[in-house]
Amino acid sequence: MVFQIPENLAPECYPMAWLMDSWRGAGVLEYEGIDAAAYLHELTIDNDNNGPYLRIRSDVWLANEPAGAVDQEVPGAAMYDELSKGELWSSATGYLRATPGAEKRDGATLLEAMTASPAGHATTWVGLIKGPQLQLAADAIAGSPTAAEMTEARLVGGLVQSDFFVAYDMAAFGAELRSYMAGRLSRGQASE
């Protein structure tokens, strides 16, 4: 599949254009006090009204199958189709943009992002994107009075064999920064 930059995309978005699509896949999550579990992930990244930024929508469901049912060697869409959705685990929405006026570093573009979740967290992110790889670290995490304690977060992702591999680490519930979720997503429409 040959990727083309979408028409009417603001030039500021060109380094991020490869992210634009509806993605679906599966992975495994595990954390302090959370047993390993399979999950299904739907991620939509699009350009909202042709602005100089991308819009993000992420939904994660626990799978009805055990963590061992996930095979990271299987393309994300095929793994997604093999599993069934259980309860909604997490959702987030936000925006991603190339840092205005920032210089590129070693061919990488500086990024900024903002996300919010119904679990009560609003996060600002900073990072880099270089070709089909990105990394973001939480710059600030605000929590509502009833949100779980979260003090640090990091997201790393990249294209491998046309799939988007994503790893999310966090420091929460008094634990230090460690792996939380890792999955593989394929381009394509998410199921209803």
N, C-alpha and C. Protein backbone atom coordinates (compact mmCIF):
# COMPACT_ATOMS: atom_id res chain seq x y z
N MET A 1 0.84 -1.18 0.00
CA MET A 1 0.00 0.00 0.00
C MET A 1 0.88 1.24 0.00
N VAL A 2 0.68 2.13 -0.95
CA VAL A 2 1.44 3.36 -1.06
C VAL A 2 0.68 4.46 -0.32
N PHE A 3 1.38 5.14 0.57
CA PHE A 3 0.75 6.21 1.33
C PHE A 3 0.86 7.53 0.58
N GLN A 4 -0.24 8.28 0.56
CA GLN A 4 -0.24 9.61 -0.06
C GLN A 4 -0.73 10.61 0.97
N ILE A 5 -0.13 11.78 0.96
CA ILE A 5 -0.58 12.85 1.85
C ILE A 5 -1.97 13.29 1.40
N PRO A 6 -2.92 13.32 2.32
CA PRO A 6 -4.30 13.70 1.96
C PRO A 6 -4.37 15.12 1.38
N GLU A 7 -5.32 15.32 0.48
CA GLU A 7 -5.54 16.64 -0.10
C GLU A 7 -5.97 17.62 0.99
N ASN A 8 -5.67 18.89 0.81
CA ASN A 8 -6.06 19.98 1.70
C ASN A 8 -5.47 19.87 3.10
N LEU A 9 -4.44 19.06 3.29
CA LEU A 9 -3.81 18.95 4.60
C LEU A 9 -2.88 20.14 4.80
N ALA A 10 -2.98 20.78 5.95
CA ALA A 10 -2.10 21.90 6.26
C ALA A 10 -0.64 21.42 6.26
N PRO A 11 0.28 22.19 5.69
CA PRO A 11 1.68 21.76 5.62
C PRO A 11 2.27 21.42 6.98
N GLU A 12 1.79 22.07 8.04
CA GLU A 12 2.28 21.77 9.39
C GLU A 12 2.03 20.32 9.78
N CYS A 13 1.04 19.69 9.14
CA CYS A 13 0.67 18.32 9.47
C CYS A 13 1.42 17.26 8.66
N TYR A 14 2.19 17.67 7.67
CA TYR A 14 2.86 16.69 6.80
C TYR A 14 3.67 15.65 7.57
N PRO A 15 4.47 16.04 8.60
CA PRO A 15 5.24 15.00 9.31
C PRO A 15 4.35 13.97 10.02
N MET A 16 3.10 14.33 10.30
CA MET A 16 2.18 13.45 11.04
C MET A 16 1.19 12.75 10.12
N ALA A 17 1.23 13.04 8.83
CA ALA A 17 0.21 12.56 7.89
C ALA A 17 0.07 11.04 7.90
N TRP A 18 1.16 10.31 8.11
CA TRP A 18 1.10 8.84 8.10
C TRP A 18 0.20 8.29 9.21
N LEU A 19 -0.05 9.08 10.24
CA LEU A 19 -0.91 8.65 11.35
C LEU A 19 -2.39 8.70 11.00
N MET A 20 -2.76 9.50 10.00
CA MET A 20 -4.16 9.76 9.71
C MET A 20 -4.86 8.52 9.15
N ASP A 21 -5.81 8.00 9.90
CA ASP A 21 -6.61 6.86 9.47
C ASP A 21 -7.44 6.39 10.66
N SER A 22 -8.26 5.39 10.42
CA SER A 22 -8.91 4.65 11.49
C SER A 22 -8.10 3.38 11.67
N TRP A 23 -7.68 3.13 12.88
CA TRP A 23 -6.84 1.98 13.20
C TRP A 23 -7.61 1.05 14.13
N ARG A 24 -7.34 -0.25 14.04
CA ARG A 24 -7.92 -1.20 14.99
C ARG A 24 -6.93 -2.32 15.22
N GLY A 25 -6.97 -2.85 16.42
CA GLY A 25 -6.03 -3.90 16.75
C GLY A 25 -6.24 -4.41 18.15
N ALA A 26 -5.21 -5.05 18.66
CA ALA A 26 -5.30 -5.67 19.98
C ALA A 26 -3.94 -5.65 20.65
N GLY A 27 -3.97 -5.90 21.94
CA GLY A 27 -2.74 -5.94 22.71
C GLY A 27 -2.98 -6.51 24.08
N VAL A 28 -2.00 -6.32 24.94
CA VAL A 28 -2.08 -6.81 26.32
C VAL A 28 -1.78 -5.65 27.25
N LEU A 29 -2.58 -5.51 28.30
CA LEU A 29 -2.33 -4.53 29.34
C LEU A 29 -2.09 -5.25 30.65
N GLU A 30 -1.26 -4.65 31.50
CA GLU A 30 -0.94 -5.20 32.81
C GLU A 30 -0.27 -4.11 33.61
N TYR A 31 -0.57 -4.05 34.90
CA TYR A 31 0.02 -3.02 35.75
C TYR A 31 -0.07 -3.46 37.20
N GLU A 32 0.54 -2.71 38.09
CA GLU A 32 0.44 -3.00 39.51
C GLU A 32 -1.02 -3.12 39.90
N GLY A 33 -1.42 -4.27 40.43
CA GLY A 33 -2.80 -4.48 40.86
C GLY A 33 -3.77 -4.78 39.73
N ILE A 34 -3.28 -4.84 38.49
CA ILE A 34 -4.13 -5.15 37.33
C ILE A 34 -3.55 -6.39 36.66
N ASP A 35 -4.27 -7.49 36.68
CA ASP A 35 -3.81 -8.72 36.05
C ASP A 35 -3.71 -8.53 34.53
N ALA A 36 -2.81 -9.26 33.91
CA ALA A 36 -2.66 -9.20 32.46
C ALA A 36 -3.99 -9.49 31.79
N ALA A 37 -4.33 -8.67 30.80
CA ALA A 37 -5.60 -8.83 30.09
C ALA A 37 -5.43 -8.46 28.63
N ALA A 38 -6.14 -9.17 27.76
CA ALA A 38 -6.18 -8.82 26.34
C ALA A 38 -7.11 -7.62 26.17
N TYR A 39 -6.78 -6.77 25.20
CA TYR A 39 -7.67 -5.65 24.91
C TYR A 39 -7.81 -5.44 23.41
N LEU A 40 -8.89 -4.78 23.05
CA LEU A 40 -9.15 -4.35 21.67
C LEU A 40 -9.06 -2.83 21.65
N HIS A 41 -8.45 -2.29 20.60
CA HIS A 41 -8.20 -0.85 20.53
C HIS A 41 -8.70 -0.31 19.20
N GLU A 42 -9.49 0.76 19.25
CA GLU A 42 -9.90 1.51 18.07
C GLU A 42 -9.35 2.92 18.23
N LEU A 43 -8.63 3.38 17.22
CA LEU A 43 -7.98 4.68 17.25
C LEU A 43 -8.28 5.39 15.93
N THR A 44 -8.80 6.59 16.03
CA THR A 44 -9.04 7.40 14.84
C THR A 44 -8.22 8.68 14.95
N ILE A 45 -7.45 8.94 13.91
CA ILE A 45 -6.66 10.17 13.85
C ILE A 45 -7.01 10.83 12.53
N ASP A 46 -7.58 12.03 12.61
CA ASP A 46 -7.98 12.72 11.40
C ASP A 46 -7.63 14.20 11.50
N ASN A 47 -7.92 14.92 10.43
CA ASN A 47 -7.66 16.35 10.37
C ASN A 47 -8.99 17.07 10.50
N ASP A 48 -9.15 17.78 11.58
CA ASP A 48 -10.39 18.47 11.91
C ASP A 48 -10.48 19.80 11.16
N ASN A 49 -11.34 19.88 10.18
CA ASN A 49 -11.56 21.13 9.43
C ASN A 49 -10.30 21.69 8.80
N ASN A 50 -9.39 20.82 8.38
CA ASN A 50 -8.16 21.22 7.69
C ASN A 50 -7.27 22.16 8.49
N GLY A 51 -7.38 22.12 9.82
CA GLY A 51 -6.53 22.95 10.67
C GLY A 51 -5.11 22.41 10.72
N PRO A 52 -4.19 23.15 11.33
CA PRO A 52 -2.79 22.73 11.40
C PRO A 52 -2.54 21.76 12.57
N TYR A 53 -3.41 20.81 12.75
CA TYR A 53 -3.32 19.84 13.84
C TYR A 53 -4.12 18.60 13.47
N LEU A 54 -3.94 17.53 14.20
CA LEU A 54 -4.71 16.32 14.01
C LEU A 54 -5.58 16.07 15.25
N ARG A 55 -6.73 15.48 15.03
CA ARG A 55 -7.66 15.13 16.12
C ARG A 55 -7.52 13.64 16.41
N ILE A 56 -7.57 13.28 17.69
CA ILE A 56 -7.37 11.90 18.12
C ILE A 56 -8.59 11.42 18.90
N ARG A 57 -9.02 10.19 18.63
CA ARG A 57 -10.07 9.53 19.43
C ARG A 57 -9.60 8.09 19.66
N SER A 58 -9.49 7.69 20.92
CA SER A 58 -9.01 6.36 21.27
C SER A 58 -9.99 5.69 22.22
N ASP A 59 -10.37 4.44 21.91
CA ASP A 59 -11.23 3.63 22.78
C ASP A 59 -10.60 2.25 22.94
N VAL A 60 -10.53 1.80 24.18
CA VAL A 60 -9.95 0.49 24.51
C VAL A 60 -10.98 -0.31 25.29
N TRP A 61 -11.23 -1.55 24.83
CA TRP A 61 -12.13 -2.47 25.53
C TRP A 61 -11.33 -3.66 26.01
N LEU A 62 -11.67 -4.17 27.19
CA LEU A 62 -11.12 -5.45 27.60
C LEU A 62 -11.70 -6.50 26.67
N ALA A 63 -10.91 -7.48 26.31
CA ALA A 63 -11.40 -8.58 25.48
C ALA A 63 -12.02 -9.63 26.39
N ASN A 64 -12.95 -10.37 25.86
CA ASN A 64 -13.54 -11.48 26.62
C ASN A 64 -12.57 -12.66 26.72
N GLU A 65 -11.54 -12.67 25.88
CA GLU A 65 -10.56 -13.74 25.86
C GLU A 65 -9.38 -13.38 26.79
N PRO A 66 -8.59 -14.37 27.22
CA PRO A 66 -7.46 -14.10 28.12
C PRO A 66 -6.29 -13.43 27.39
N ALA A 67 -5.36 -12.89 28.17
CA ALA A 67 -4.18 -12.20 27.62
C ALA A 67 -3.40 -13.12 26.67
N GLY A 68 -3.34 -14.40 26.96
CA GLY A 68 -2.61 -15.34 26.12
C GLY A 68 -3.17 -15.51 24.72
N ALA A 69 -4.39 -15.01 24.49
CA ALA A 69 -5.00 -15.12 23.16
C ALA A 69 -4.39 -14.12 22.18
N VAL A 70 -3.67 -13.12 22.68
CA VAL A 70 -3.07 -12.09 21.82
C VAL A 70 -1.72 -12.57 21.31
N ASP A 71 -1.56 -12.54 19.99
CA ASP A 71 -0.31 -12.91 19.33
C ASP A 71 0.20 -11.68 18.60
N GLN A 72 1.29 -11.07 19.08
CA GLN A 72 1.82 -9.84 18.47
C GLN A 72 2.41 -10.09 17.08
N GLU A 73 2.55 -11.33 16.68
CA GLU A 73 3.03 -11.63 15.33
C GLU A 73 1.90 -11.56 14.30
N VAL A 74 0.67 -11.53 14.77
CA VAL A 74 -0.51 -11.47 13.89
C VAL A 74 -0.85 -10.01 13.64
N PRO A 75 -1.14 -9.60 12.40
CA PRO A 75 -1.52 -8.21 12.14
C PRO A 75 -2.66 -7.75 13.05
N GLY A 76 -2.64 -6.47 13.40
CA GLY A 76 -3.61 -5.91 14.33
C GLY A 76 -5.06 -6.18 13.96
N ALA A 77 -5.42 -5.98 12.70
CA ALA A 77 -6.82 -6.17 12.28
C ALA A 77 -7.24 -7.62 12.43
N ALA A 78 -6.36 -8.56 12.10
CA ALA A 78 -6.70 -9.98 12.22
C ALA A 78 -6.88 -10.36 13.69
N MET A 79 -6.02 -9.83 14.57
CA MET A 79 -6.15 -10.11 15.99
C MET A 79 -7.43 -9.49 16.54
N TYR A 80 -7.74 -8.28 16.08
CA TYR A 80 -8.98 -7.59 16.47
C TYR A 80 -10.19 -8.46 16.13
N ASP A 81 -10.19 -9.04 14.93
CA ASP A 81 -11.31 -9.87 14.48
C ASP A 81 -11.43 -11.19 15.24
N GLU A 82 -10.32 -11.66 15.81
CA GLU A 82 -10.34 -12.93 16.56
C GLU A 82 -10.86 -12.77 17.98
N LEU A 83 -10.81 -11.54 18.51
CA LEU A 83 -11.22 -11.29 19.89
C LEU A 83 -12.60 -10.65 19.92
N SER A 84 -13.24 -10.68 21.08
CA SER A 84 -14.55 -10.04 21.23
C SER A 84 -14.50 -9.00 22.34
N LYS A 85 -15.24 -7.92 22.15
CA LYS A 85 -15.25 -6.81 23.11
C LYS A 85 -15.99 -7.17 24.39
N GLY A 86 -15.34 -6.84 25.50
CA GLY A 86 -15.97 -6.90 26.80
C GLY A 86 -16.30 -5.47 27.23
N GLU A 87 -15.96 -5.13 28.46
CA GLU A 87 -16.28 -3.79 28.96
C GLU A 87 -15.32 -2.74 28.41
N LEU A 88 -15.84 -1.53 28.25
CA LEU A 88 -15.00 -0.41 27.84
C LEU A 88 -14.02 -0.13 28.98
N TRP A 89 -12.73 -0.10 28.66
CA TRP A 89 -11.69 0.07 29.67
C TRP A 89 -11.26 1.53 29.77
N SER A 90 -11.03 2.17 28.62
CA SER A 90 -10.60 3.57 28.65
C SER A 90 -10.93 4.26 27.33
N SER A 91 -11.07 5.57 27.43
CA SER A 91 -11.31 6.42 26.26
C SER A 91 -10.49 7.69 26.43
N ALA A 92 -10.12 8.29 25.33
CA ALA A 92 -9.43 9.58 25.36
C ALA A 92 -9.68 10.29 24.04
N THR A 93 -9.71 11.59 24.11
CA THR A 93 -9.79 12.43 22.92
C THR A 93 -8.74 13.52 23.05
N GLY A 94 -8.33 14.06 21.91
CA GLY A 94 -7.34 15.12 21.99
C GLY A 94 -6.90 15.62 20.65
N TYR A 95 -5.78 16.34 20.69
CA TYR A 95 -5.22 16.98 19.51
C TYR A 95 -3.71 16.83 19.52
N LEU A 96 -3.14 16.72 18.31
CA LEU A 96 -1.71 16.58 18.12
C LEU A 96 -1.29 17.60 17.08
N ARG A 97 -0.17 18.29 17.36
CA ARG A 97 0.31 19.28 16.37
C ARG A 97 1.83 19.36 16.41
N ALA A 98 2.38 19.77 15.28
CA ALA A 98 3.80 20.08 15.23
C ALA A 98 3.98 21.37 16.03
N THR A 99 5.02 21.44 16.83
CA THR A 99 5.24 22.60 17.69
C THR A 99 5.45 23.84 16.84
N PRO A 100 4.57 24.84 16.97
CA PRO A 100 4.69 26.05 16.14
C PRO A 100 6.02 26.77 16.37
N GLY A 101 6.69 27.10 15.27
CA GLY A 101 7.92 27.89 15.33
C GLY A 101 9.13 27.14 15.85
N ALA A 102 9.00 25.86 16.13
CA ALA A 102 10.13 25.11 16.68
C ALA A 102 11.04 24.61 15.57
N GLU A 103 12.31 24.55 15.86
CA GLU A 103 13.28 24.01 14.92
C GLU A 103 13.20 22.49 14.92
N LYS A 104 13.51 21.90 13.78
CA LYS A 104 13.59 20.43 13.71
C LYS A 104 14.93 20.01 14.30
N ARG A 105 14.93 18.84 14.94
CA ARG A 105 16.16 18.29 15.52
C ARG A 105 16.53 17.00 14.81
N ASP A 106 17.68 16.96 14.16
CA ASP A 106 18.15 15.75 13.49
C ASP A 106 17.09 15.13 12.59
N GLY A 107 16.33 15.95 11.90
CA GLY A 107 15.29 15.46 11.01
C GLY A 107 13.98 15.14 11.69
N ALA A 108 13.93 15.28 13.02
CA ALA A 108 12.70 15.02 13.77
C ALA A 108 11.93 16.32 13.96
N THR A 109 10.62 16.22 13.97
CA THR A 109 9.76 17.37 14.20
C THR A 109 9.27 17.33 15.65
N LEU A 110 9.35 18.47 16.33
CA LEU A 110 8.85 18.55 17.70
C LEU A 110 7.33 18.53 17.69
N LEU A 111 6.75 17.81 18.64
CA LEU A 111 5.30 17.66 18.74
C LEU A 111 4.77 18.15 20.08
N GLU A 112 3.51 18.55 20.05
CA GLU A 112 2.75 18.85 21.26
C GLU A 112 1.40 18.15 21.12
N ALA A 113 0.85 17.72 22.23
CA ALA A 113 -0.46 17.09 22.20
C ALA A 113 -1.19 17.42 23.50
N MET A 114 -2.50 17.30 23.43
CA MET A 114 -3.36 17.42 24.60
C MET A 114 -4.39 16.31 24.51
N THR A 115 -4.62 15.62 25.63
CA THR A 115 -5.65 14.58 25.67
C THR A 115 -6.46 14.73 26.95
N ALA A 116 -7.68 14.25 26.90
CA ALA A 116 -8.55 14.23 28.07
C ALA A 116 -9.29 12.91 28.09
N SER A 117 -9.53 12.41 29.29
CA SER A 117 -10.26 11.15 29.42
C SER A 117 -11.39 11.30 30.42
N PRO A 118 -12.46 10.49 30.26
CA PRO A 118 -13.56 10.56 31.21
C PRO A 118 -13.17 10.01 32.59
N ALA A 119 -11.97 9.43 32.71
CA ALA A 119 -11.50 8.97 34.02
C ALA A 119 -11.01 10.14 34.87
N GLY A 120 -11.01 11.34 34.28
CA GLY A 120 -10.67 12.53 35.05
C GLY A 120 -9.28 13.07 34.85
N HIS A 121 -8.59 12.67 33.79
CA HIS A 121 -7.24 13.17 33.52
C HIS A 121 -7.21 14.04 32.27
N ALA A 122 -6.50 15.14 32.36
CA ALA A 122 -6.18 15.98 31.21
C ALA A 122 -4.65 16.05 31.16
N THR A 123 -4.09 15.73 30.01
CA THR A 123 -2.63 15.62 29.90
C THR A 123 -2.13 16.46 28.74
N THR A 124 -1.03 17.17 28.96
CA THR A 124 -0.30 17.80 27.86
C THR A 124 0.94 16.95 27.63
N TRP A 125 1.30 16.81 26.36
CA TRP A 125 2.40 15.94 25.95
C TRP A 125 3.39 16.73 25.11
N VAL A 126 4.65 16.34 25.15
CA VAL A 126 5.68 16.87 24.26
C VAL A 126 6.48 15.69 23.73
N GLY A 127 7.01 15.84 22.52
CA GLY A 127 7.78 14.75 21.96
C GLY A 127 8.30 15.04 20.58
N LEU A 128 8.61 13.96 19.87
CA LEU A 128 9.22 14.04 18.54
C LEU A 128 8.54 13.04 17.60
N ILE A 129 8.54 13.40 16.32
CA ILE A 129 8.13 12.47 15.28
C ILE A 129 9.20 12.55 14.20
N LYS A 130 9.63 11.39 13.74
CA LYS A 130 10.64 11.32 12.70
C LYS A 130 10.27 10.16 11.80
N GLY A 131 9.88 10.47 10.57
CA GLY A 131 9.40 9.43 9.68
C GLY A 131 8.23 8.73 10.34
N PRO A 132 8.16 7.39 10.26
CA PRO A 132 7.02 6.68 10.83
C PRO A 132 7.25 6.25 12.28
N GLN A 133 7.87 7.12 13.08
CA GLN A 133 8.09 6.83 14.49
C GLN A 133 7.78 8.08 15.30
N LEU A 134 7.19 7.86 16.48
CA LEU A 134 6.94 8.99 17.36
C LEU A 134 7.15 8.59 18.80
N GLN A 135 7.42 9.59 19.61
CA GLN A 135 7.51 9.39 21.05
C GLN A 135 6.98 10.64 21.73
N LEU A 136 6.19 10.43 22.75
CA LEU A 136 5.61 11.52 23.51
C LEU A 136 5.77 11.23 25.00
N ALA A 137 6.01 12.26 25.77
CA ALA A 137 6.07 12.14 27.22
C ALA A 137 5.12 13.17 27.81
N ALA A 138 4.45 12.79 28.89
CA ALA A 138 3.54 13.72 29.54
C ALA A 138 4.34 14.89 30.11
N ASP A 139 3.92 16.08 29.77
CA ASP A 139 4.53 17.30 30.27
C ASP A 139 3.84 17.72 31.56
N ALA A 140 2.52 17.57 31.58
CA ALA A 140 1.72 17.88 32.77
C ALA A 140 0.49 17.00 32.77
N ILE A 141 0.14 16.49 33.94
CA ILE A 141 -1.06 15.66 34.10
C ILE A 141 -1.92 16.29 35.19
N ALA A 142 -3.12 16.69 34.81
CA ALA A 142 -4.07 17.24 35.78
C ALA A 142 -5.14 16.19 36.02
N GLY A 143 -5.53 16.04 37.27
CA GLY A 143 -6.57 15.06 37.60
C GLY A 143 -7.69 15.72 38.37
N SER A 144 -8.90 15.24 38.09
CA SER A 144 -10.05 15.71 38.86
C SER A 144 -9.92 15.18 40.29
N PRO A 145 -10.71 15.69 41.24
CA PRO A 145 -10.60 15.23 42.63
C PRO A 145 -10.76 13.72 42.81
N THR A 146 -11.52 13.05 41.95
CA THR A 146 -11.73 11.61 42.11
C THR A 146 -10.92 10.76 41.14
N ALA A 147 -10.08 11.38 40.33
CA ALA A 147 -9.25 10.62 39.38
C ALA A 147 -8.17 9.85 40.13
N ALA A 148 -7.80 8.68 39.59
CA ALA A 148 -6.70 7.92 40.17
C ALA A 148 -5.40 8.72 40.03
N GLU A 149 -4.51 8.55 40.99
CA GLU A 149 -3.23 9.25 40.94
C GLU A 149 -2.41 8.76 39.74
N MET A 150 -1.97 9.70 38.91
CA MET A 150 -1.07 9.38 37.80
C MET A 150 -0.06 10.51 37.73
N THR A 151 1.24 10.17 37.79
CA THR A 151 2.26 11.20 37.85
C THR A 151 3.16 11.29 36.62
N GLU A 152 3.14 10.27 35.78
CA GLU A 152 4.01 10.26 34.61
C GLU A 152 3.42 9.34 33.55
N ALA A 153 3.67 9.65 32.27
CA ALA A 153 3.20 8.80 31.19
C ALA A 153 4.12 8.99 29.98
N ARG A 154 4.23 7.93 29.20
CA ARG A 154 5.06 7.96 28.00
C ARG A 154 4.41 7.08 26.95
N LEU A 155 4.45 7.53 25.70
CA LEU A 155 3.88 6.78 24.58
C LEU A 155 4.93 6.71 23.47
N VAL A 156 5.16 5.51 22.95
CA VAL A 156 6.10 5.30 21.86
C VAL A 156 5.36 4.50 20.80
N GLY A 157 5.50 4.89 19.54
CA GLY A 157 4.82 4.16 18.47
C GLY A 157 5.59 4.26 17.17
N GLY A 158 5.30 3.31 16.29
CA GLY A 158 5.92 3.34 14.98
C GLY A 158 5.33 2.30 14.06
N LEU A 159 5.53 2.52 12.77
CA LEU A 159 5.05 1.59 11.75
C LEU A 159 6.07 0.47 11.55
N VAL A 160 5.57 -0.76 11.59
CA VAL A 160 6.37 -1.95 11.29
C VAL A 160 5.48 -2.83 10.42
N GLN A 161 5.94 -3.18 9.23
CA GLN A 161 5.17 -4.00 8.30
C GLN A 161 3.75 -3.45 8.14
N SER A 162 3.61 -2.14 7.98
CA SER A 162 2.36 -1.41 7.77
C SER A 162 1.44 -1.38 8.98
N ASP A 163 1.81 -1.98 10.10
CA ASP A 163 1.01 -1.89 11.32
C ASP A 163 1.64 -0.86 12.26
N PHE A 164 0.80 -0.28 13.09
CA PHE A 164 1.21 0.73 14.06
C PHE A 164 1.38 0.03 15.41
N PHE A 165 2.61 -0.12 15.84
CA PHE A 165 2.90 -0.70 17.15
C PHE A 165 2.93 0.44 18.17
N VAL A 166 2.19 0.27 19.26
CA VAL A 166 2.07 1.33 20.26
C VAL A 166 2.36 0.74 21.64
N ALA A 167 3.20 1.43 22.41
CA ALA A 167 3.48 1.05 23.79
C ALA A 167 3.22 2.27 24.68
N TYR A 168 2.52 2.04 25.76
CA TYR A 168 2.15 3.10 26.69
C TYR A 168 2.65 2.72 28.08
N ASP A 169 3.48 3.57 28.67
CA ASP A 169 3.99 3.38 30.02
C ASP A 169 3.40 4.46 30.92
N MET A 170 3.26 4.15 32.20
CA MET A 170 2.77 5.17 33.12
C MET A 170 3.30 4.92 34.53
N ALA A 171 3.26 5.97 35.33
CA ALA A 171 3.51 5.89 36.77
C ALA A 171 2.20 6.30 37.42
N ALA A 172 1.57 5.36 38.11
CA ALA A 172 0.26 5.62 38.72
C ALA A 172 0.09 4.75 39.96
N PHE A 173 -0.89 5.10 40.77
CA PHE A 173 -1.23 4.33 41.98
C PHE A 173 -0.02 4.13 42.89
N GLY A 174 0.92 5.08 42.88
CA GLY A 174 2.11 4.99 43.71
C GLY A 174 3.24 4.18 43.11
N ALA A 175 3.05 3.57 41.95
CA ALA A 175 4.11 2.78 41.29
C ALA A 175 4.96 3.69 40.40
N GLU A 176 6.19 3.28 40.17
CA GLU A 176 7.08 4.03 39.29
C GLU A 176 6.73 3.77 37.82
N LEU A 177 7.30 4.56 36.92
CA LEU A 177 7.05 4.41 35.49
C LEU A 177 7.37 2.99 35.04
N ARG A 178 6.38 2.35 34.41
CA ARG A 178 6.56 1.00 33.89
C ARG A 178 5.55 0.74 32.79
N SER A 179 5.75 -0.35 32.08
CA SER A 179 4.87 -0.72 30.98
C SER A 179 3.44 -0.91 31.47
N TYR A 180 2.51 -0.42 30.68
CA TYR A 180 1.09 -0.57 31.00
C TYR A 180 0.34 -1.28 29.86
N MET A 181 0.50 -0.79 28.62
CA MET A 181 -0.21 -1.37 27.48
C MET A 181 0.74 -1.46 26.29
N ALA A 182 0.60 -2.52 25.51
CA ALA A 182 1.36 -2.63 24.27
C ALA A 182 0.48 -3.38 23.27
N GLY A 183 0.38 -2.82 22.06
CA GLY A 183 -0.49 -3.44 21.07
C GLY A 183 -0.05 -3.14 19.65
N ARG A 184 -0.78 -3.75 18.74
CA ARG A 184 -0.51 -3.64 17.31
C ARG A 184 -1.82 -3.29 16.61
N LEU A 185 -1.81 -2.21 15.82
CA LEU A 185 -3.00 -1.73 15.15
C LEU A 185 -2.79 -1.73 13.64
N SER A 186 -3.86 -2.05 12.91
CA SER A 186 -3.84 -2.02 11.44
C SER A 186 -4.78 -0.92 10.95
N ARG A 187 -4.45 -0.39 9.77
CA ARG A 187 -5.34 0.61 9.16
C ARG A 187 -6.65 -0.05 8.77
N GLY A 188 -7.71 0.70 8.85
CA GLY A 188 -9.00 0.19 8.42
C GLY A 188 -10.10 0.61 9.36
N GLN A 189 -11.32 0.55 8.86
CA GLN A 189 -12.46 0.97 9.65
C GLN A 189 -12.68 0.06 10.83
N ALA A 190 -12.99 0.68 11.97
CA ALA A 190 -13.32 -0.06 13.18
C ALA A 190 -14.74 -0.60 13.07
N SER A 191 -14.98 -1.70 13.72
CA SER A 191 -16.33 -2.30 13.73
C SER A 191 -17.26 -1.46 14.58
N GLU A 192 -18.53 -1.51 14.25
CA GLU A 192 -19.53 -0.82 15.04
C GLU A 192 -19.89 -1.63 16.25
